[in-house]
């Protein structure tokens, strides 16, 4: 008798738990259908292209054909130029990247669509 009662209580608790889960699921689906979410309120905008005159190594390394070594060399070269205000930047176009050891015409052409110079 005691075991039967305990089984009934457990079954009832299980049914209640499933009902609560279904209600939460319906609430999420309904809210999602309205287009309201936390992600909608705090959008992060990423630029389509990066500028090698200012981009950190972490951004440069994501370019196709550039690894950490070449990305670091770009930053090191840029910093060694010590561009002062009013002077031209270290890189004015993709061809200027060929000044970096390991970056040739083909690599410069491959990454040209990912870069901007302003």
PDB file of N, CA and C in Angstrom:
ATOM      1  N   UNK A   1       0.823  -1.198   0.000  1.00  0.00           N
ATOM      2  CA  UNK A   1       0.000   0.000   0.000  1.00  0.00           C
ATOM      3  C   UNK A   1       0.867   1.261   0.000  1.00  0.00           C
ATOM      4  N   UNK A   2       1.884   1.251   0.875  1.00  0.00           N
ATOM      5  CA  UNK A   2       2.759   2.408   0.975  1.00  0.00           C
ATOM      6  C   UNK A   2       3.530   2.602  -0.339  1.00  0.00           C
ATOM      7  N   UNK A   3       3.991   1.512  -0.953  1.00  0.00           N
ATOM      8  CA  UNK A   3       4.729   1.582  -2.205  1.00  0.00           C
ATOM      9  C   UNK A   3       3.838   2.105  -3.325  1.00  0.00           C
ATOM     10  N   UNK A   4       2.592   1.696  -3.372  1.00  0.00           N
ATOM     11  CA  UNK A   4       1.654   2.136  -4.400  1.00  0.00           C
ATOM     12  C   UNK A   4       1.408   3.635  -4.291  1.00  0.00           C
ATOM     13  N   UNK A   5       1.257   4.109  -3.073  1.00  0.00           N
ATOM     14  CA  UNK A   5       1.023   5.535  -2.860  1.00  0.00           C
ATOM     15  C   UNK A   5       2.245   6.343  -3.298  1.00  0.00           C
ATOM     16  N   UNK A   6       3.413   5.844  -2.988  1.00  0.00           N
ATOM     17  CA  UNK A   6       4.642   6.533  -3.362  1.00  0.00           C
ATOM     18  C   UNK A   6       4.785   6.571  -4.888  1.00  0.00           C
ATOM     19  N   UNK A   7       4.437   5.477  -5.554  1.00  0.00           N
ATOM     20  CA  UNK A   7       4.488   5.448  -7.019  1.00  0.00           C
ATOM     21  C   UNK A   7       3.520   6.453  -7.625  1.00  0.00           C
ATOM     22  N   UNK A   8       2.348   6.593  -7.058  1.00  0.00           N
ATOM     23  CA  UNK A   8       1.368   7.558  -7.553  1.00  0.00           C
ATOM     24  C   UNK A   8       1.879   8.982  -7.393  1.00  0.00           C
ATOM     25  N   UNK A   9       2.503   9.263  -6.255  1.00  0.00           N
ATOM     26  CA  UNK A   9       3.038  10.607  -6.005  1.00  0.00           C
ATOM     27  C   UNK A   9       4.157  10.914  -6.999  1.00  0.00           C
ATOM     28  N   UNK A  10       5.033   9.940  -7.238  1.00  0.00           N
ATOM     29  CA  UNK A  10       6.123  10.147  -8.196  1.00  0.00           C
ATOM     30  C   UNK A  10       5.570  10.352  -9.601  1.00  0.00           C
ATOM     31  N   UNK A  11       4.574   9.589  -9.980  1.00  0.00           N
ATOM     32  CA  UNK A  11       3.964   9.740 -11.305  1.00  0.00           C
ATOM     33  C   UNK A  11       3.321  11.113 -11.447  1.00  0.00           C
ATOM     34  N   UNK A  12       2.627  11.547 -10.401  1.00  0.00           N
ATOM     35  CA  UNK A  12       1.982  12.857 -10.421  1.00  0.00           C
ATOM     36  C   UNK A  12       3.039  13.964 -10.541  1.00  0.00           C
ATOM     37  N   UNK A  13       4.135  13.850  -9.793  1.00  0.00           N
ATOM     38  CA  UNK A  13       5.212  14.839  -9.849  1.00  0.00           C
ATOM     39  C   UNK A  13       5.839  14.859 -11.244  1.00  0.00           C
ATOM     40  N   UNK A  14       5.990  13.701 -11.857  1.00  0.00           N
ATOM     41  CA  UNK A  14       6.542  13.629 -13.201  1.00  0.00           C
ATOM     42  C   UNK A  14       5.631  14.337 -14.200  1.00  0.00           C
ATOM     43  N   UNK A  15       4.324  14.081 -14.106  1.00  0.00           N
ATOM     44  CA  UNK A  15       3.363  14.711 -15.014  1.00  0.00           C
ATOM     45  C   UNK A  15       3.381  16.225 -14.830  1.00  0.00           C
ATOM     46  N   UNK A  16       3.431  16.688 -13.607  1.00  0.00           N
ATOM     47  CA  UNK A  16       3.486  18.127 -13.335  1.00  0.00           C
ATOM     48  C   UNK A  16       4.774  18.712 -13.926  1.00  0.00           C
ATOM     49  N   UNK A  17       5.902  18.033 -13.774  1.00  0.00           N
ATOM     50  CA  UNK A  17       7.174  18.508 -14.316  1.00  0.00           C
ATOM     51  C   UNK A  17       7.145  18.611 -15.830  1.00  0.00           C
ATOM     52  N   UNK A  18       6.548  17.616 -16.481  1.00  0.00           N
ATOM     53  CA  UNK A  18       6.434  17.655 -17.943  1.00  0.00           C
ATOM     54  C   UNK A  18       5.551  18.818 -18.373  1.00  0.00           C
ATOM     55  N   UNK A  19       4.455  19.048 -17.680  1.00  0.00           N
ATOM     56  CA  UNK A  19       3.556  20.159 -18.010  1.00  0.00           C
ATOM     57  C   UNK A  19       4.272  21.504 -17.875  1.00  0.00           C
ATOM     58  N   UNK A  20       5.035  21.666 -16.816  1.00  0.00           N
ATOM     59  CA  UNK A  20       5.777  22.909 -16.611  1.00  0.00           C
ATOM     60  C   UNK A  20       6.803  23.092 -17.738  1.00  0.00           C
ATOM     61  N   UNK A  21       7.500  22.024 -18.118  1.00  0.00           N
ATOM     62  CA  UNK A  21       8.487  22.111 -19.195  1.00  0.00           C
ATOM     63  C   UNK A  21       7.826  22.489 -20.512  1.00  0.00           C
ATOM     64  N   UNK A  22       6.669  21.929 -20.794  1.00  0.00           N
ATOM     65  CA  UNK A  22       5.947  22.243 -22.028  1.00  0.00           C
ATOM     66  C   UNK A  22       5.510  23.711 -22.019  1.00  0.00           C
ATOM     67  N   UNK A  23       5.045  24.187 -20.885  1.00  0.00           N
ATOM     68  CA  UNK A  23       4.624  25.594 -20.786  1.00  0.00           C
ATOM     69  C   UNK A  23       5.802  26.542 -21.047  1.00  0.00           C
ATOM     70  N   UNK A  24       6.971  26.249 -20.448  1.00  0.00           N
ATOM     71  CA  UNK A  24       8.149  27.071 -20.699  1.00  0.00           C
ATOM     72  C   UNK A  24       8.544  27.029 -22.165  1.00  0.00           C
ATOM     73  N   UNK A  25       8.490  25.848 -22.760  1.00  0.00           N
ATOM     74  CA  UNK A  25       8.841  25.716 -24.177  1.00  0.00           C
ATOM     75  C   UNK A  25       7.911  26.548 -25.047  1.00  0.00           C
ATOM     76  N   UNK A  26       6.625  26.493 -24.756  1.00  0.00           N
ATOM     77  CA  UNK A  26       5.659  27.292 -25.527  1.00  0.00           C
ATOM     78  C   UNK A  26       5.930  28.782 -25.355  1.00  0.00           C
ATOM     79  N   UNK A  27       6.302  29.182 -24.172  1.00  0.00           N
ATOM     80  CA  UNK A  27       6.625  30.589 -23.921  1.00  0.00           C
ATOM     81  C   UNK A  27       7.828  31.045 -24.712  1.00  0.00           C
ATOM     82  N   UNK A  28       8.861  30.216 -24.786  1.00  0.00           N
ATOM     83  CA  UNK A  28      10.042  30.568 -25.565  1.00  0.00           C
ATOM     84  C   UNK A  28       9.737  30.639 -27.048  1.00  0.00           C
ATOM     85  N   UNK A  29       8.948  29.699 -27.536  1.00  0.00           N
ATOM     86  CA  UNK A  29       8.600  29.688 -28.953  1.00  0.00           C
ATOM     87  C   UNK A  29       7.775  30.921 -29.298  1.00  0.00           C
ATOM     88  N   UNK A  30       6.830  31.268 -28.454  1.00  0.00           N
ATOM     89  CA  UNK A  30       5.985  32.434 -28.689  1.00  0.00           C
ATOM     90  C   UNK A  30       6.816  33.708 -28.681  1.00  0.00           C
ATOM     91  N   UNK A  31       7.719  33.839 -27.741  1.00  0.00           N
ATOM     92  CA  UNK A  31       8.575  35.018 -27.656  1.00  0.00           C
ATOM     93  C   UNK A  31       9.518  35.091 -28.845  1.00  0.00           C
ATOM     94  N   UNK A  32      10.019  33.964 -29.280  1.00  0.00           N
ATOM     95  CA  UNK A  32      10.919  33.926 -30.435  1.00  0.00           C
ATOM     96  C   UNK A  32      10.174  34.325 -31.700  1.00  0.00           C
ATOM     97  N   UNK A  33       8.940  33.962 -31.814  1.00  0.00           N
ATOM     98  CA  UNK A  33       8.141  34.296 -32.991  1.00  0.00           C
ATOM     99  C   UNK A  33       7.934  35.790 -33.154  1.00  0.00           C
ATOM    100  N   UNK A  34       7.974  36.530 -32.076  1.00  0.00           N
ATOM    101  CA  UNK A  34       7.810  37.992 -32.135  1.00  0.00           C
ATOM    102  C   UNK A  34       9.099  38.683 -32.545  1.00  0.00           C
ATOM    103  N   UNK A  35      10.180  37.946 -32.535  1.00  0.00           N
ATOM    104  CA  UNK A  35      11.457  38.547 -32.907  1.00  0.00           C
ATOM    105  C   UNK A  35      12.120  39.283 -31.761  1.00  0.00           C
ATOM    106  N   UNK A  36      11.624  39.118 -30.559  1.00  0.00           N
ATOM    107  CA  UNK A  36      12.206  39.782 -29.407  1.00  0.00           C
ATOM    108  C   UNK A  36      13.170  38.830 -28.727  1.00  0.00           C
ATOM    109  N   UNK A  37      14.383  39.233 -28.607  1.00  0.00           N
ATOM    110  CA  UNK A  37      15.347  38.432 -27.879  1.00  0.00           C
ATOM    111  C   UNK A  37      16.444  39.345 -27.352  1.00  0.00           C
ATOM    112  N   UNK A  38      17.255  38.803 -26.491  1.00  0.00           N
ATOM    113  CA  UNK A  38      18.364  39.566 -25.945  1.00  0.00           C
ATOM    114  C   UNK A  38      19.345  39.939 -27.043  1.00  0.00           C
ATOM    115  N   UNK A  39      19.519  39.050 -28.019  1.00  0.00           N
ATOM    116  CA  UNK A  39      20.463  39.311 -29.090  1.00  0.00           C
ATOM    117  C   UNK A  39      20.015  40.462 -29.972  1.00  0.00           C
ATOM    118  N   UNK A  40      18.699  40.670 -30.104  1.00  0.00           N
ATOM    119  CA  UNK A  40      18.201  41.765 -30.922  1.00  0.00           C
ATOM    120  C   UNK A  40      18.522  43.116 -30.296  1.00  0.00           C
ATOM    121  N   UNK A  41      18.580  43.153 -28.992  1.00  0.00           N
ATOM    122  CA  UNK A  41      18.788  44.415 -28.302  1.00  0.00           C
ATOM    123  C   UNK A  41      20.250  44.832 -28.243  1.00  0.00           C
ATOM    124  N   UNK A  42      21.163  43.893 -28.324  1.00  0.00           N
ATOM    125  CA  UNK A  42      22.588  44.251 -28.251  1.00  0.00           C
ATOM    126  C   UNK A  42      23.310  43.638 -29.450  1.00  0.00           C
ATOM    127  N   UNK A  43      23.220  44.318 -30.556  1.00  0.00           N
ATOM    128  CA  UNK A  43      23.859  43.840 -31.769  1.00  0.00           C
ATOM    129  C   UNK A  43      25.320  44.271 -31.800  1.00  0.00           C
ATOM    130  N   UNK A  44      26.136  43.383 -32.288  1.00  0.00           N
ATOM    131  CA  UNK A  44      27.544  43.680 -32.464  1.00  0.00           C
ATOM    132  C   UNK A  44      27.791  43.780 -33.955  1.00  0.00           C
ATOM    133  N   UNK A  45      28.341  44.880 -34.375  1.00  0.00           N
ATOM    134  CA  UNK A  45      28.620  45.061 -35.787  1.00  0.00           C
ATOM    135  C   UNK A  45      30.106  44.834 -36.032  1.00  0.00           C
ATOM    136  N   UNK A  46      30.380  43.946 -36.950  1.00  0.00           N
ATOM    137  CA  UNK A  46      31.750  43.682 -37.340  1.00  0.00           C
ATOM    138  C   UNK A  46      31.991  44.299 -38.704  1.00  0.00           C
ATOM    139  N   UNK A  47      33.146  44.855 -38.876  1.00  0.00           N
ATOM    140  CA  UNK A  47      33.470  45.436 -40.164  1.00  0.00           C
ATOM    141  C   UNK A  47      33.762  44.322 -41.153  1.00  0.00           C
ATOM    142  N   UNK A  48      33.417  44.567 -42.410  1.00  0.00           N
ATOM    143  CA  UNK A  48      33.663  43.582 -43.451  1.00  0.00           C
ATOM    144  C   UNK A  48      35.150  43.446 -43.759  1.00  0.00           C
ATOM    145  N   UNK A  49      35.864  44.531 -43.659  1.00  0.00           N
ATOM    146  CA  UNK A  49      37.287  44.542 -44.007  1.00  0.00           C
ATOM    147  C   UNK A  49      38.100  45.114 -42.857  1.00  0.00           C
ATOM    148  N   UNK A  50      39.362  44.755 -42.838  1.00  0.00           N
ATOM    149  CA  UNK A  50      40.232  45.272 -41.780  1.00  0.00           C
ATOM    150  C   UNK A  50      41.344  46.109 -42.391  1.00  0.00           C
ATOM    151  N   UNK A  51      41.848  47.030 -41.617  1.00  0.00           N
ATOM    152  CA  UNK A  51      42.918  47.914 -42.051  1.00  0.00           C
ATOM    153  C   UNK A  51      44.226  47.423 -41.438  1.00  0.00           C
ATOM    154  N   UNK A  52      45.186  46.976 -42.252  1.00  0.00           N
ATOM    155  CA  UNK A  52      46.443  46.456 -41.697  1.00  0.00           C
ATOM    156  C   UNK A  52      47.280  47.526 -40.997  1.00  0.00           C
ATOM    157  N   UNK A  53      46.930  48.792 -41.168  1.00  0.00           N
ATOM    158  CA  UNK A  53      47.648  49.863 -40.485  1.00  0.00           C
ATOM    159  C   UNK A  53      47.258  49.978 -39.018  1.00  0.00           C
ATOM    160  N   UNK A  54      46.130  49.377 -38.632  1.00  0.00           N
ATOM    161  CA  UNK A  54      45.646  49.500 -37.258  1.00  0.00           C
ATOM    162  C   UNK A  54      45.230  48.174 -36.640  1.00  0.00           C
ATOM    163  N   UNK A  55      45.022  47.137 -37.441  1.00  0.00           N
ATOM    164  CA  UNK A  55      44.485  45.871 -36.949  1.00  0.00           C
ATOM    165  C   UNK A  55      45.493  45.150 -36.051  1.00  0.00           C
ATOM    166  N   UNK A  56      45.012  44.545 -34.972  1.00  0.00           N
ATOM    167  CA  UNK A  56      45.904  43.768 -34.112  1.00  0.00           C
ATOM    168  C   UNK A  56      46.233  42.417 -34.762  1.00  0.00           C
ATOM    169  N   UNK A  57      47.200  41.747 -34.209  1.00  0.00           N
ATOM    170  CA  UNK A  57      47.622  40.446 -34.727  1.00  0.00           C
ATOM    171  C   UNK A  57      46.445  39.475 -34.773  1.00  0.00           C
ATOM    172  N   UNK A  58      45.580  39.520 -33.768  1.00  0.00           N
ATOM    173  CA  UNK A  58      44.438  38.601 -33.695  1.00  0.00           C
ATOM    174  C   UNK A  58      43.505  38.745 -34.886  1.00  0.00           C
ATOM    175  N   UNK A  59      43.379  39.939 -35.422  1.00  0.00           N
ATOM    176  CA  UNK A  59      42.547  40.148 -36.608  1.00  0.00           C
ATOM    177  C   UNK A  59      43.293  39.744 -37.874  1.00  0.00           C
ATOM    178  N   UNK A  60      44.548  40.088 -37.957  1.00  0.00           N
ATOM    179  CA  UNK A  60      45.340  39.794 -39.150  1.00  0.00           C
ATOM    180  C   UNK A  60      45.527  38.297 -39.361  1.00  0.00           C
ATOM    181  N   UNK A  61      45.642  37.559 -38.284  1.00  0.00           N
ATOM    182  CA  UNK A  61      45.886  36.125 -38.387  1.00  0.00           C
ATOM    183  C   UNK A  61      44.690  35.395 -39.010  1.00  0.00           C
ATOM    184  N   UNK A  62      43.545  36.001 -39.003  1.00  0.00           N
ATOM    185  CA  UNK A  62      42.340  35.394 -39.584  1.00  0.00           C
ATOM    186  C   UNK A  62      42.295  35.524 -41.103  1.00  0.00           C
ATOM    187  N   UNK A  63      43.173  36.306 -41.678  1.00  0.00           N
ATOM    188  CA  UNK A  63      43.204  36.466 -43.130  1.00  0.00           C
ATOM    189  C   UNK A  63      43.729  35.190 -43.775  1.00  0.00           C
ATOM    190  N   UNK A  64      43.193  34.826 -44.950  1.00  0.00           N
ATOM    191  CA  UNK A  64      43.631  33.593 -45.599  1.00  0.00           C
ATOM    192  C   UNK A  64      45.098  33.666 -46.021  1.00  0.00           C
ATOM    193  N   UNK A  65      45.857  32.660 -45.640  1.00  0.00           N
ATOM    194  CA  UNK A  65      47.259  32.606 -46.021  1.00  0.00           C
ATOM    195  C   UNK A  65      48.205  33.267 -45.038  1.00  0.00           C
ATOM    196  N   UNK A  66      47.662  33.938 -44.011  1.00  0.00           N
ATOM    197  CA  UNK A  66      48.523  34.567 -43.003  1.00  0.00           C
ATOM    198  C   UNK A  66      48.424  33.769 -41.717  1.00  0.00           C
ATOM    199  N   UNK A  67      49.558  33.431 -41.193  1.00  0.00           N
ATOM    200  CA  UNK A  67      49.600  32.783 -39.895  1.00  0.00           C
ATOM    201  C   UNK A  67      50.043  33.770 -38.853  1.00  0.00           C
ATOM    202  N   UNK A  68      50.284  33.276 -37.650  1.00  0.00           N
ATOM    203  CA  UNK A  68      50.732  34.179 -36.581  1.00  0.00           C
ATOM    204  C   UNK A  68      52.057  34.872 -36.895  1.00  0.00           C
ATOM    205  N   UNK A  69      52.956  34.173 -37.596  1.00  0.00           N
ATOM    206  CA  UNK A  69      54.256  34.769 -37.918  1.00  0.00           C
ATOM    207  C   UNK A  69      54.145  35.956 -38.858  1.00  0.00           C
ATOM    208  N   UNK A  70      53.413  35.779 -39.936  1.00  0.00           N
ATOM    209  CA  UNK A  70      53.257  36.871 -40.902  1.00  0.00           C
ATOM    210  C   UNK A  70      52.426  38.012 -40.320  1.00  0.00           C
ATOM    211  N   UNK A  71      51.387  37.663 -39.570  1.00  0.00           N
ATOM    212  CA  UNK A  71      50.572  38.709 -38.935  1.00  0.00           C
ATOM    213  C   UNK A  71      51.421  39.522 -37.962  1.00  0.00           C
ATOM    214  N   UNK A  72      52.256  38.839 -37.190  1.00  0.00           N
ATOM    215  CA  UNK A  72      53.154  39.536 -36.262  1.00  0.00           C
ATOM    216  C   UNK A  72      54.172  40.394 -36.998  1.00  0.00           C
ATOM    217  N   UNK A  73      54.619  39.905 -38.163  1.00  0.00           N
ATOM    218  CA  UNK A  73      55.585  40.681 -38.951  1.00  0.00           C
ATOM    219  C   UNK A  73      54.947  41.955 -39.489  1.00  0.00           C
ATOM    220  N   UNK A  74      53.672  41.886 -39.861  1.00  0.00           N
ATOM    221  CA  UNK A  74      52.968  43.086 -40.328  1.00  0.00           C
ATOM    222  C   UNK A  74      52.910  44.124 -39.219  1.00  0.00           C
ATOM    223  N   UNK A  75      52.543  43.679 -38.022  1.00  0.00           N
ATOM    224  CA  UNK A  75      52.447  44.605 -36.887  1.00  0.00           C
ATOM    225  C   UNK A  75      53.825  45.148 -36.526  1.00  0.00           C
ATOM    226  N   UNK A  76      54.836  44.290 -36.524  1.00  0.00           N
ATOM    227  CA  UNK A  76      56.187  44.748 -36.188  1.00  0.00           C
ATOM    228  C   UNK A  76      56.693  45.770 -37.208  1.00  0.00           C
ATOM    229  N   UNK A  77      56.463  45.522 -38.478  1.00  0.00           N
ATOM    230  CA  UNK A  77      56.884  46.471 -39.522  1.00  0.00           C
ATOM    231  C   UNK A  77      56.155  47.799 -39.349  1.00  0.00           C
ATOM    232  N   UNK A  78      54.853  47.704 -39.132  1.00  0.00           N
ATOM    233  CA  UNK A  78      54.030  48.907 -38.962  1.00  0.00           C
ATOM    234  C   UNK A  78      54.531  49.741 -37.780  1.00  0.00           C
ATOM    235  N   UNK A  79      54.855  49.068 -36.687  1.00  0.00           N
ATOM    236  CA  UNK A  79      55.321  49.784 -35.495  1.00  0.00           C
ATOM    237  C   UNK A  79      56.739  50.321 -35.672  1.00  0.00           C
ATOM    238  N   UNK A  80      57.537  49.684 -36.509  1.00  0.00           N
ATOM    239  CA  UNK A  80      58.911  50.152 -36.714  1.00  0.00           C
ATOM    240  C   UNK A  80      58.964  51.406 -37.580  1.00  0.00           C
ATOM    241  N   UNK A  81      57.915  51.638 -38.346  1.00  0.00           N
ATOM    242  CA  UNK A  81      57.864  52.820 -39.214  1.00  0.00           C
ATOM    243  C   UNK A  81      57.669  54.085 -38.377  1.00  0.00           C
ATOM    244  N   UNK A  82      56.976  53.964 -37.244  1.00  0.00           N
ATOM    245  CA  UNK A  82      56.681  55.107 -36.374  1.00  0.00           C
ATOM    246  C   UNK A  82      56.023  56.242 -37.154  1.00  0.00           C
ATOM    247  N   UNK A  83      54.889  55.954 -37.699  1.00  0.00           N
ATOM    248  CA  UNK A  83      54.166  56.942 -38.498  1.00  0.00           C
ATOM    249  C   UNK A  83      53.707  58.080 -37.595  1.00  0.00           C
ATOM    250  N   UNK A  84      54.090  59.279 -37.962  1.00  0.00           N
ATOM    251  CA  UNK A  84      53.672  60.463 -37.211  1.00  0.00           C
ATOM    252  C   UNK A  84      52.413  61.025 -37.843  1.00  0.00           C
ATOM    253  N   UNK A  85      51.741  61.873 -37.102  1.00  0.00           N
ATOM    254  CA  UNK A  85      50.513  62.496 -37.613  1.00  0.00           C
ATOM    255  C   UNK A  85      50.799  63.266 -38.879  1.00  0.00           C
ATOM    256  N   UNK A  86      49.960  63.085 -39.862  1.00  0.00           N
ATOM    257  CA  UNK A  86      50.117  63.789 -41.118  1.00  0.00           C
ATOM    258  C   UNK A  86      50.922  63.030 -42.158  1.00  0.00           C
ATOM    259  N   UNK A  87      51.734  62.058 -41.738  1.00  0.00           N
ATOM    260  CA  UNK A  87      52.505  61.267 -42.681  1.00  0.00           C
ATOM    261  C   UNK A  87      51.655  60.118 -43.201  1.00  0.00           C
ATOM    262  N   UNK A  88      52.074  59.562 -44.317  1.00  0.00           N
ATOM    263  CA  UNK A  88      51.315  58.451 -44.877  1.00  0.00           C
ATOM    264  C   UNK A  88      51.499  57.206 -44.003  1.00  0.00           C
ATOM    265  N   UNK A  89      50.494  56.344 -43.981  1.00  0.00           N
ATOM    266  CA  UNK A  89      50.580  55.134 -43.160  1.00  0.00           C
ATOM    267  C   UNK A  89      51.595  54.148 -43.743  1.00  0.00           C
ATOM    268  N   UNK A  90      51.883  53.115 -42.991  1.00  0.00           N
ATOM    269  CA  UNK A  90      52.861  52.108 -43.429  1.00  0.00           C
ATOM    270  C   UNK A  90      52.409  51.390 -44.688  1.00  0.00           C
ATOM    271  N   UNK A  91      51.094  51.149 -44.811  1.00  0.00           N
ATOM    272  CA  UNK A  91      50.550  50.429 -45.957  1.00  0.00           C
ATOM    273  C   UNK A  91      49.468  51.275 -46.625  1.00  0.00           C
ATOM    274  N   UNK A  92      49.694  51.616 -47.890  1.00  0.00           N
ATOM    275  CA  UNK A  92      48.701  52.384 -48.643  1.00  0.00           C
ATOM    276  C   UNK A  92      47.835  51.504 -49.536  1.00  0.00           C
ATOM    277  N   UNK A  93      48.334  50.311 -49.856  1.00  0.00           N
ATOM    278  CA  UNK A  93      47.587  49.361 -50.686  1.00  0.00           C
ATOM    279  C   UNK A  93      48.141  47.958 -50.434  1.00  0.00           C
ATOM    280  N   UNK A  94      47.541  46.978 -51.081  1.00  0.00           N
ATOM    281  CA  UNK A  94      47.950  45.582 -50.865  1.00  0.00           C
ATOM    282  C   UNK A  94      49.382  45.322 -51.312  1.00  0.00           C
ATOM    283  N   UNK A  95      49.819  46.022 -52.339  1.00  0.00           N
ATOM    284  CA  UNK A  95      51.184  45.819 -52.820  1.00  0.00           C
ATOM    285  C   UNK A  95      52.225  46.193 -51.763  1.00  0.00           C
ATOM    286  N   UNK A  96      51.895  47.146 -50.907  1.00  0.00           N
ATOM    287  CA  UNK A  96      52.820  47.541 -49.839  1.00  0.00           C
ATOM    288  C   UNK A  96      53.068  46.408 -48.851  1.00  0.00           C
ATOM    289  N   UNK A  97      52.138  45.460 -48.752  1.00  0.00           N
ATOM    290  CA  UNK A  97      52.324  44.335 -47.834  1.00  0.00           C
ATOM    291  C   UNK A  97      53.443  43.413 -48.284  1.00  0.00           C
ATOM    292  N   UNK A  98      53.857  43.531 -49.547  1.00  0.00           N
ATOM    293  CA  UNK A  98      54.941  42.698 -50.052  1.00  0.00           C
ATOM    294  C   UNK A  98      56.289  43.093 -49.451  1.00  0.00           C
ATOM    295  N   UNK A  99      56.328  44.180 -48.702  1.00  0.00           N
ATOM    296  CA  UNK A  99      57.537  44.571 -47.982  1.00  0.00           C
ATOM    297  C   UNK A  99      57.812  43.592 -46.831  1.00  0.00           C
ATOM    298  N   UNK A 100      56.785  42.845 -46.452  1.00  0.00           N
ATOM    299  CA  UNK A 100      56.888  41.884 -45.355  1.00  0.00           C
ATOM    300  C   UNK A 100      57.443  40.577 -45.902  1.00  0.00           C
ATOM    301  N   UNK A 101      58.451  40.037 -45.238  1.00  0.00           N
ATOM    302  CA  UNK A 101      59.040  38.771 -45.658  1.00  0.00           C
ATOM    303  C   UNK A 101      57.976  37.668 -45.598  1.00  0.00           C
ATOM    304  N   UNK A 102      57.842  36.942 -46.692  1.00  0.00           N
ATOM    305  CA  UNK A 102      56.873  35.846 -46.747  1.00  0.00           C
ATOM    306  C   UNK A 102      55.561  36.220 -47.410  1.00  0.00           C
ATOM    307  N   UNK A 103      55.386  37.502 -47.713  1.00  0.00           N
ATOM    308  CA  UNK A 103      54.178  37.935 -48.416  1.00  0.00           C
ATOM    309  C   UNK A 103      54.587  38.357 -49.815  1.00  0.00           C
ATOM    310  N   UNK A 104      54.136  37.571 -50.776  1.00  0.00           N
ATOM    311  CA  UNK A 104      54.438  37.859 -52.167  1.00  0.00           C
ATOM    312  C   UNK A 104      53.211  38.361 -52.893  1.00  0.00           C
ATOM    313  N   UNK A 105      53.308  38.490 -54.216  1.00  0.00           N
ATOM    314  CA  UNK A 105      52.180  39.003 -55.000  1.00  0.00           C
ATOM    315  C   UNK A 105      50.913  38.156 -54.874  1.00  0.00           C
ATOM    316  N   UNK A 106      51.081  36.831 -54.838  1.00  0.00           N
ATOM    317  CA  UNK A 106      49.908  35.955 -54.766  1.00  0.00           C
ATOM    318  C   UNK A 106      49.179  36.099 -53.426  1.00  0.00           C
ATOM    319  N   UNK A 107      49.937  36.124 -52.335  1.00  0.00           N
ATOM    320  CA  UNK A 107      49.324  36.299 -51.006  1.00  0.00           C
ATOM    321  C   UNK A 107      48.656  37.659 -50.914  1.00  0.00           C
ATOM    322  N   UNK A 108      49.316  38.690 -51.405  1.00  0.00           N
ATOM    323  CA  UNK A 108      48.733  40.035 -51.375  1.00  0.00           C
ATOM    324  C   UNK A 108      47.433  40.076 -52.167  1.00  0.00           C
ATOM    325  N   UNK A 109      47.404  39.396 -53.304  1.00  0.00           N
ATOM    326  CA  UNK A 109      46.189  39.364 -54.119  1.00  0.00           C
ATOM    327  C   UNK A 109      45.084  38.582 -53.407  1.00  0.00           C
ATOM    328  N   UNK A 110      45.434  37.466 -52.750  1.00  0.00           N
ATOM    329  CA  UNK A 110      44.442  36.645 -52.055  1.00  0.00           C
ATOM    330  C   UNK A 110      43.767  37.375 -50.896  1.00  0.00           C
ATOM    331  N   UNK A 111      44.497  38.243 -50.222  1.00  0.00           N
ATOM    332  CA  UNK A 111      43.919  38.925 -49.063  1.00  0.00           C
ATOM    333  C   UNK A 111      43.388  40.310 -49.397  1.00  0.00           C
ATOM    334  N   UNK A 112      43.548  40.746 -50.627  1.00  0.00           N
ATOM    335  CA  UNK A 112      43.142  42.106 -50.993  1.00  0.00           C
ATOM    336  C   UNK A 112      41.653  42.350 -50.778  1.00  0.00           C
ATOM    337  N   UNK A 113      40.828  41.344 -50.958  1.00  0.00           N
ATOM    338  CA  UNK A 113      39.381  41.516 -50.760  1.00  0.00           C
ATOM    339  C   UNK A 113      38.976  41.664 -49.315  1.00  0.00           C
ATOM    340  N   UNK A 114      39.874  41.349 -48.404  1.00  0.00           N
ATOM    341  CA  UNK A 114      39.583  41.415 -46.970  1.00  0.00           C
ATOM    342  C   UNK A 114      40.134  42.685 -46.317  1.00  0.00           C
ATOM    343  N   UNK A 115      40.847  43.486 -47.093  1.00  0.00           N
ATOM    344  CA  UNK A 115      41.519  44.651 -46.517  1.00  0.00           C
ATOM    345  C   UNK A 115      40.927  45.963 -46.994  1.00  0.00           C
ATOM    346  N   UNK A 116      41.126  46.974 -46.167  1.00  0.00           N
ATOM    347  CA  UNK A 116      40.777  48.351 -46.562  1.00  0.00           C
ATOM    348  C   UNK A 116      41.931  49.246 -46.148  1.00  0.00           C
ATOM    349  N   UNK A 117      42.075  50.324 -46.853  1.00  0.00           N
ATOM    350  CA  UNK A 117      43.159  51.274 -46.588  1.00  0.00           C
ATOM    351  C   UNK A 117      42.556  52.683 -46.562  1.00  0.00           C
ATOM    352  N   UNK A 118      42.348  53.219 -45.367  1.00  0.00           N
ATOM    353  CA  UNK A 118      41.815  54.588 -45.239  1.00  0.00           C
ATOM    354  C   UNK A 118      42.455  55.294 -44.105  1.00  0.00           C
TER     355      UNK A 118
END
